[in-house]
Amino acid sequence: MTLRFIGTTSDSGQCPTLYEVEESGDIVVQGERLTDPEHLAQLRDVGEGETFVVIPRELLTRFAPKE
């Protein structure tokens, strides 16, 4: 899998960050893991091995396609 950096809203070069999987066009999100049990209990249809990250809306709106 080859990742292409899309963008970040981080000033320190860490997270949150978006990447594109070049082979499929899928998006990889780097961010703070959601760990609060109360919040996790609200999620649906969680598959084994899945995790959740919190990303700022600004990151998505800044780098989302404008079509």
PDB file of N, CA and C in Angstrom:
ATOM      1  N   MET A   1       0.856  -1.176   0.000  1.00  0.00           N
ATOM      2  CA  MET A   1       0.000   0.000   0.000  1.00  0.00           C
ATOM      3  C   MET A   1       0.900   1.236   0.000  1.00  0.00           C
ATOM      4  N   THR A   2       0.618   2.152  -0.903  1.00  0.00           N
ATOM      5  CA  THR A   2       1.370   3.402  -0.997  1.00  0.00           C
ATOM      6  C   THR A   2       0.464   4.546  -0.557  1.00  0.00           C
ATOM      7  N   LEU A   3       0.920   5.326   0.431  1.00  0.00           N
ATOM      8  CA  LEU A   3       0.133   6.451   0.931  1.00  0.00           C
ATOM      9  C   LEU A   3       0.662   7.758   0.371  1.00  0.00           C
ATOM     10  N   ARG A   4      -0.278   8.622  -0.014  1.00  0.00           N
ATOM     11  CA  ARG A   4       0.053   9.968  -0.489  1.00  0.00           C
ATOM     12  C   ARG A   4      -0.493  10.961   0.524  1.00  0.00           C
ATOM     13  N   PHE A   5       0.349  11.821   1.052  1.00  0.00           N
ATOM     14  CA  PHE A   5      -0.051  12.856   1.998  1.00  0.00           C
ATOM     15  C   PHE A   5      -1.033  13.806   1.318  1.00  0.00           C
ATOM     16  N   ILE A   6      -2.176  14.046   1.962  1.00  0.00           N
ATOM     17  CA  ILE A   6      -3.160  15.001   1.435  1.00  0.00           C
ATOM     18  C   ILE A   6      -3.018  16.337   2.143  1.00  0.00           C
ATOM     19  N   GLY A   7      -3.048  16.297   3.490  1.00  0.00           N
ATOM     20  CA  GLY A   7      -2.947  17.552   4.220  1.00  0.00           C
ATOM     21  C   GLY A   7      -3.158  17.376   5.699  1.00  0.00           C
ATOM     22  N   THR A   8      -2.854  18.432   6.427  1.00  0.00           N
ATOM     23  CA  THR A   8      -3.016  18.443   7.874  1.00  0.00           C
ATOM     24  C   THR A   8      -3.412  19.836   8.334  1.00  0.00           C
ATOM     25  N   THR A   9      -4.039  19.919   9.479  1.00  0.00           N
ATOM     26  CA  THR A   9      -4.325  21.208  10.106  1.00  0.00           C
ATOM     27  C   THR A   9      -3.449  21.384  11.341  1.00  0.00           C
ATOM     28  N   SER A  10      -2.481  20.500  11.511  1.00  0.00           N
ATOM     29  CA  SER A  10      -1.584  20.545  12.658  1.00  0.00           C
ATOM     30  C   SER A  10      -0.417  21.475  12.376  1.00  0.00           C
ATOM     31  N   ASP A  11      -0.116  22.330  13.315  1.00  0.00           N
ATOM     32  CA  ASP A  11       1.035  23.222  13.175  1.00  0.00           C
ATOM     33  C   ASP A  11       2.337  22.522  13.531  1.00  0.00           C
ATOM     34  N   SER A  12       2.252  21.419  14.294  1.00  0.00           N
ATOM     35  CA  SER A  12       3.467  20.757  14.768  1.00  0.00           C
ATOM     36  C   SER A  12       3.830  19.531  13.938  1.00  0.00           C
ATOM     37  N   GLY A  13       3.086  19.277  12.836  1.00  0.00           N
ATOM     38  CA  GLY A  13       3.421  18.176  11.955  1.00  0.00           C
ATOM     39  C   GLY A  13       3.014  16.806  12.465  1.00  0.00           C
ATOM     40  N   GLN A  14       2.093  16.738  13.391  1.00  0.00           N
ATOM     41  CA  GLN A  14       1.652  15.449  13.897  1.00  0.00           C
ATOM     42  C   GLN A  14       0.259  15.169  13.359  1.00  0.00           C
ATOM     43  N   CYS A  15      -0.725  14.986  14.199  1.00  0.00           N
ATOM     44  CA  CYS A  15      -2.078  14.722  13.714  1.00  0.00           C
ATOM     45  C   CYS A  15      -2.941  15.932  14.034  1.00  0.00           C
ATOM     46  N   PRO A  16      -4.075  16.095  13.435  1.00  0.00           N
ATOM     47  CA  PRO A  16      -4.742  15.202  12.498  1.00  0.00           C
ATOM     48  C   PRO A  16      -4.196  15.366  11.080  1.00  0.00           C
ATOM     49  N   THR A  17      -4.224  14.274  10.341  1.00  0.00           N
ATOM     50  CA  THR A  17      -3.674  14.264   8.989  1.00  0.00           C
ATOM     51  C   THR A  17      -4.484  13.328   8.101  1.00  0.00           C
ATOM     52  N   LEU A  18      -4.597  13.660   6.824  1.00  0.00           N
ATOM     53  CA  LEU A  18      -5.262  12.811   5.843  1.00  0.00           C
ATOM     54  C   LEU A  18      -4.249  12.298   4.830  1.00  0.00           C
ATOM     55  N   TYR A  19      -4.435  11.023   4.436  1.00  0.00           N
ATOM     56  CA  TYR A  19      -3.623  10.389   3.403  1.00  0.00           C
ATOM     57  C   TYR A  19      -4.561   9.701   2.418  1.00  0.00           C
ATOM     58  N   GLU A  20      -4.101   9.524   1.190  1.00  0.00           N
ATOM     59  CA  GLU A  20      -4.841   8.753   0.195  1.00  0.00           C
ATOM     60  C   GLU A  20      -4.062   7.484  -0.125  1.00  0.00           C
ATOM     61  N   VAL A  21      -4.779   6.355  -0.188  1.00  0.00           N
ATOM     62  CA  VAL A  21      -4.166   5.107  -0.638  1.00  0.00           C
ATOM     63  C   VAL A  21      -4.129   5.186  -2.160  1.00  0.00           C
ATOM     64  N   GLU A  22      -2.939   5.261  -2.719  1.00  0.00           N
ATOM     65  CA  GLU A  22      -2.808   5.492  -4.165  1.00  0.00           C
ATOM     66  C   GLU A  22      -3.456   4.396  -4.992  1.00  0.00           C
ATOM     67  N   GLU A  23      -3.371   3.161  -4.549  1.00  0.00           N
ATOM     68  CA  GLU A  23      -3.902   2.055  -5.333  1.00  0.00           C
ATOM     69  C   GLU A  23      -5.425   2.029  -5.398  1.00  0.00           C
ATOM     70  N   SER A  24      -6.108   2.514  -4.359  1.00  0.00           N
ATOM     71  CA  SER A  24      -7.574   2.397  -4.313  1.00  0.00           C
ATOM     72  C   SER A  24      -8.310   3.727  -4.234  1.00  0.00           C
ATOM     73  N   GLY A  25      -7.607   4.790  -3.846  1.00  0.00           N
ATOM     74  CA  GLY A  25      -8.273   6.075  -3.642  1.00  0.00           C
ATOM     75  C   GLY A  25      -8.911   6.207  -2.273  1.00  0.00           C
ATOM     76  N   ASP A  26      -8.821   5.154  -1.437  1.00  0.00           N
ATOM     77  CA  ASP A  26      -9.355   5.220  -0.075  1.00  0.00           C
ATOM     78  C   ASP A  26      -8.580   6.258   0.735  1.00  0.00           C
ATOM     79  N   ILE A  27      -9.198   6.712   1.825  1.00  0.00           N
ATOM     80  CA  ILE A  27      -8.600   7.733   2.677  1.00  0.00           C
ATOM     81  C   ILE A  27      -8.210   7.118   4.018  1.00  0.00           C
ATOM     82  N   VAL A  28      -7.007   7.459   4.478  1.00  0.00           N
ATOM     83  CA  VAL A  28      -6.526   7.059   5.798  1.00  0.00           C
ATOM     84  C   VAL A  28      -6.498   8.318   6.660  1.00  0.00           C
ATOM     85  N   VAL A  29      -7.050   8.207   7.875  1.00  0.00           N
ATOM     86  CA  VAL A  29      -7.133   9.337   8.788  1.00  0.00           C
ATOM     87  C   VAL A  29      -6.235   9.078   9.995  1.00  0.00           C
ATOM     88  N   GLN A  30      -5.370  10.034  10.286  1.00  0.00           N
ATOM     89  CA  GLN A  30      -4.536   9.980  11.488  1.00  0.00           C
ATOM     90  C   GLN A  30      -5.107  10.983  12.472  1.00  0.00           C
ATOM     91  N   GLY A  31      -5.403  10.544  13.694  1.00  0.00           N
ATOM     92  CA  GLY A  31      -5.949  11.446  14.691  1.00  0.00           C
ATOM     93  C   GLY A  31      -5.931  10.818  16.058  1.00  0.00           C
ATOM     94  N   GLU A  32      -6.464  11.542  17.009  1.00  0.00           N
ATOM     95  CA  GLU A  32      -6.551  11.059  18.385  1.00  0.00           C
ATOM     96  C   GLU A  32      -7.600   9.961  18.461  1.00  0.00           C
ATOM     97  N   ARG A  33      -7.246   8.852  19.083  1.00  0.00           N
ATOM     98  CA  ARG A  33      -8.165   7.717  19.209  1.00  0.00           C
ATOM     99  C   ARG A  33      -9.294   8.067  20.172  1.00  0.00           C
ATOM    100  N   LEU A  34     -10.508   7.698  19.815  1.00  0.00           N
ATOM    101  CA  LEU A  34     -11.679   7.871  20.672  1.00  0.00           C
ATOM    102  C   LEU A  34     -11.660   6.755  21.710  1.00  0.00           C
ATOM    103  N   THR A  35     -11.563   7.108  22.984  1.00  0.00           N
ATOM    104  CA  THR A  35     -11.434   6.094  24.036  1.00  0.00           C
ATOM    105  C   THR A  35     -12.487   6.196  25.129  1.00  0.00           C
ATOM    106  N   ASP A  36     -13.246   7.270  25.160  1.00  0.00           N
ATOM    107  CA  ASP A  36     -14.241   7.455  26.212  1.00  0.00           C
ATOM    108  C   ASP A  36     -15.313   6.372  26.105  1.00  0.00           C
ATOM    109  N   PRO A  37     -15.475   5.522  27.138  1.00  0.00           N
ATOM    110  CA  PRO A  37     -16.441   4.428  27.079  1.00  0.00           C
ATOM    111  C   PRO A  37     -17.873   4.895  26.793  1.00  0.00           C
ATOM    112  N   GLU A  38     -18.246   6.049  27.295  1.00  0.00           N
ATOM    113  CA  GLU A  38     -19.593   6.586  27.057  1.00  0.00           C
ATOM    114  C   GLU A  38     -19.798   6.893  25.575  1.00  0.00           C
ATOM    115  N   HIS A  39     -18.789   7.452  24.943  1.00  0.00           N
ATOM    116  CA  HIS A  39     -18.887   7.761  23.515  1.00  0.00           C
ATOM    117  C   HIS A  39     -18.828   6.480  22.677  1.00  0.00           C
ATOM    118  N   LEU A  40     -17.958   5.568  23.043  1.00  0.00           N
ATOM    119  CA  LEU A  40     -17.842   4.307  22.303  1.00  0.00           C
ATOM    120  C   LEU A  40     -19.143   3.513  22.343  1.00  0.00           C
ATOM    121  N   ALA A  41     -19.869   3.609  23.446  1.00  0.00           N
ATOM    122  CA  ALA A  41     -21.131   2.875  23.582  1.00  0.00           C
ATOM    123  C   ALA A  41     -22.193   3.368  22.599  1.00  0.00           C
ATOM    124  N   GLN A  42     -22.026   4.558  22.049  1.00  0.00           N
ATOM    125  CA  GLN A  42     -23.002   5.119  21.123  1.00  0.00           C
ATOM    126  C   GLN A  42     -22.761   4.688  19.677  1.00  0.00           C
ATOM    127  N   LEU A  43     -21.635   4.059  19.403  1.00  0.00           N
ATOM    128  CA  LEU A  43     -21.290   3.649  18.039  1.00  0.00           C
ATOM    129  C   LEU A  43     -22.009   2.365  17.662  1.00  0.00           C
ATOM    130  N   ARG A  44     -22.309   2.196  16.389  1.00  0.00           N
ATOM    131  CA  ARG A  44     -23.068   1.032  15.905  1.00  0.00           C
ATOM    132  C   ARG A  44     -22.203   0.130  15.033  1.00  0.00           C
ATOM    133  N   ASP A  45     -22.568  -1.130  15.021  1.00  0.00           N
ATOM    134  CA  ASP A  45     -22.001  -2.111  14.088  1.00  0.00           C
ATOM    135  C   ASP A  45     -20.477  -2.062  14.042  1.00  0.00           C
ATOM    136  N   VAL A  46     -19.870  -2.111  15.214  1.00  0.00           N
ATOM    137  CA  VAL A  46     -18.416  -2.045  15.313  1.00  0.00           C
ATOM    138  C   VAL A  46     -17.828  -3.419  15.011  1.00  0.00           C
ATOM    139  N   GLY A  47     -16.996  -3.473  13.989  1.00  0.00           N
ATOM    140  CA  GLY A  47     -16.357  -4.718  13.605  1.00  0.00           C
ATOM    141  C   GLY A  47     -15.103  -4.970  14.426  1.00  0.00           C
ATOM    142  N   GLU A  48     -14.743  -6.242  14.518  1.00  0.00           N
ATOM    143  CA  GLU A  48     -13.521  -6.605  15.231  1.00  0.00           C
ATOM    144  C   GLU A  48     -12.336  -5.966  14.527  1.00  0.00           C
ATOM    145  N   GLY A  49     -11.474  -5.360  15.288  1.00  0.00           N
ATOM    146  CA  GLY A  49     -10.297  -4.713  14.713  1.00  0.00           C
ATOM    147  C   GLY A  49     -10.515  -3.262  14.307  1.00  0.00           C
ATOM    148  N   GLU A  50     -11.749  -2.776  14.382  1.00  0.00           N
ATOM    149  CA  GLU A  50     -12.005  -1.378  14.026  1.00  0.00           C
ATOM    150  C   GLU A  50     -11.675  -0.465  15.201  1.00  0.00           C
ATOM    151  N   THR A  51     -11.246   0.733  14.862  1.00  0.00           N
ATOM    152  CA  THR A  51     -11.013   1.752  15.874  1.00  0.00           C
ATOM    153  C   THR A  51     -11.579   3.062  15.346  1.00  0.00           C
ATOM    154  N   PHE A  52     -11.632   4.050  16.178  1.00  0.00           N
ATOM    155  CA  PHE A  52     -12.248   5.325  15.821  1.00  0.00           C
ATOM    156  C   PHE A  52     -11.321   6.460  16.207  1.00  0.00           C
ATOM    157  N   VAL A  53     -11.246   7.453  15.329  1.00  0.00           N
ATOM    158  CA  VAL A  53     -10.442   8.632  15.617  1.00  0.00           C
ATOM    159  C   VAL A  53     -11.305   9.872  15.500  1.00  0.00           C
ATOM    160  N   VAL A  54     -10.937  10.875  16.257  1.00  0.00           N
ATOM    161  CA  VAL A  54     -11.634  12.156  16.240  1.00  0.00           C
ATOM    162  C   VAL A  54     -10.794  13.109  15.399  1.00  0.00           C
ATOM    163  N   ILE A  55     -11.438  13.721  14.399  1.00  0.00           N
ATOM    164  CA  ILE A  55     -10.722  14.692  13.568  1.00  0.00           C
ATOM    165  C   ILE A  55     -11.528  15.982  13.498  1.00  0.00           C
ATOM    166  N   PRO A  56     -10.866  17.104  13.445  1.00  0.00           N
ATOM    167  CA  PRO A  56     -11.572  18.372  13.367  1.00  0.00           C
ATOM    168  C   PRO A  56     -12.308  18.513  12.031  1.00  0.00           C
ATOM    169  N   ARG A  57     -13.476  19.100  12.061  1.00  0.00           N
ATOM    170  CA  ARG A  57     -14.251  19.355  10.844  1.00  0.00           C
ATOM    171  C   ARG A  57     -13.416  20.160   9.840  1.00  0.00           C
ATOM    172  N   GLU A  58     -12.619  21.088  10.335  1.00  0.00           N
ATOM    173  CA  GLU A  58     -11.795  21.931   9.458  1.00  0.00           C
ATOM    174  C   GLU A  58     -10.875  21.101   8.566  1.00  0.00           C
ATOM    175  N   LEU A  59     -10.344  20.003   9.086  1.00  0.00           N
ATOM    176  CA  LEU A  59      -9.462  19.162   8.278  1.00  0.00           C
ATOM    177  C   LEU A  59     -10.194  18.613   7.060  1.00  0.00           C
ATOM    178  N   LEU A  60     -11.408  18.122   7.270  1.00  0.00           N
ATOM    179  CA  LEU A  60     -12.190  17.562   6.153  1.00  0.00           C
ATOM    180  C   LEU A  60     -12.644  18.647   5.186  1.00  0.00           C
ATOM    181  N   THR A  61     -13.121  19.764   5.707  1.00  0.00           N
ATOM    182  CA  THR A  61     -13.626  20.804   4.812  1.00  0.00           C
ATOM    183  C   THR A  61     -12.496  21.466   4.028  1.00  0.00           C
ATOM    184  N   ARG A  62     -11.318  21.551   4.601  1.00  0.00           N
ATOM    185  CA  ARG A  62     -10.205  22.172   3.898  1.00  0.00           C
ATOM    186  C   ARG A  62      -9.685  21.308   2.761  1.00  0.00           C
ATOM    187  N   PHE A  63      -9.695  19.977   2.937  1.00  0.00           N
ATOM    188  CA  PHE A  63      -9.084  19.097   1.946  1.00  0.00           C
ATOM    189  C   PHE A  63     -10.070  18.235   1.173  1.00  0.00           C
ATOM    190  N   ALA A  64     -11.369  18.377   1.419  1.00  0.00           N
ATOM    191  CA  ALA A  64     -12.367  17.600   0.676  1.00  0.00           C
ATOM    192  C   ALA A  64     -12.440  18.101  -0.768  1.00  0.00           C
ATOM    193  N   PRO A  65     -12.744  17.207  -1.702  1.00  0.00           N
ATOM    194  CA  PRO A  65     -12.911  17.632  -3.098  1.00  0.00           C
ATOM    195  C   PRO A  65     -13.983  18.724  -3.203  1.00  0.00           C
ATOM    196  N   LYS A  66     -13.776  19.683  -4.065  1.00  0.00           N
ATOM    197  CA  LYS A  66     -14.690  20.816  -4.213  1.00  0.00           C
ATOM    198  C   LYS A  66     -15.632  20.633  -5.400  1.00  0.00           C
ATOM    199  N   GLU A  67     -16.010  19.421  -5.716  1.00  0.00           N
ATOM    200  CA  GLU A  67     -16.858  19.150  -6.880  1.00  0.00           C
ATOM    201  C   GLU A  67     -18.320  19.255  -6.552  1.00  0.00           C
TER     202      GLU A  67
END
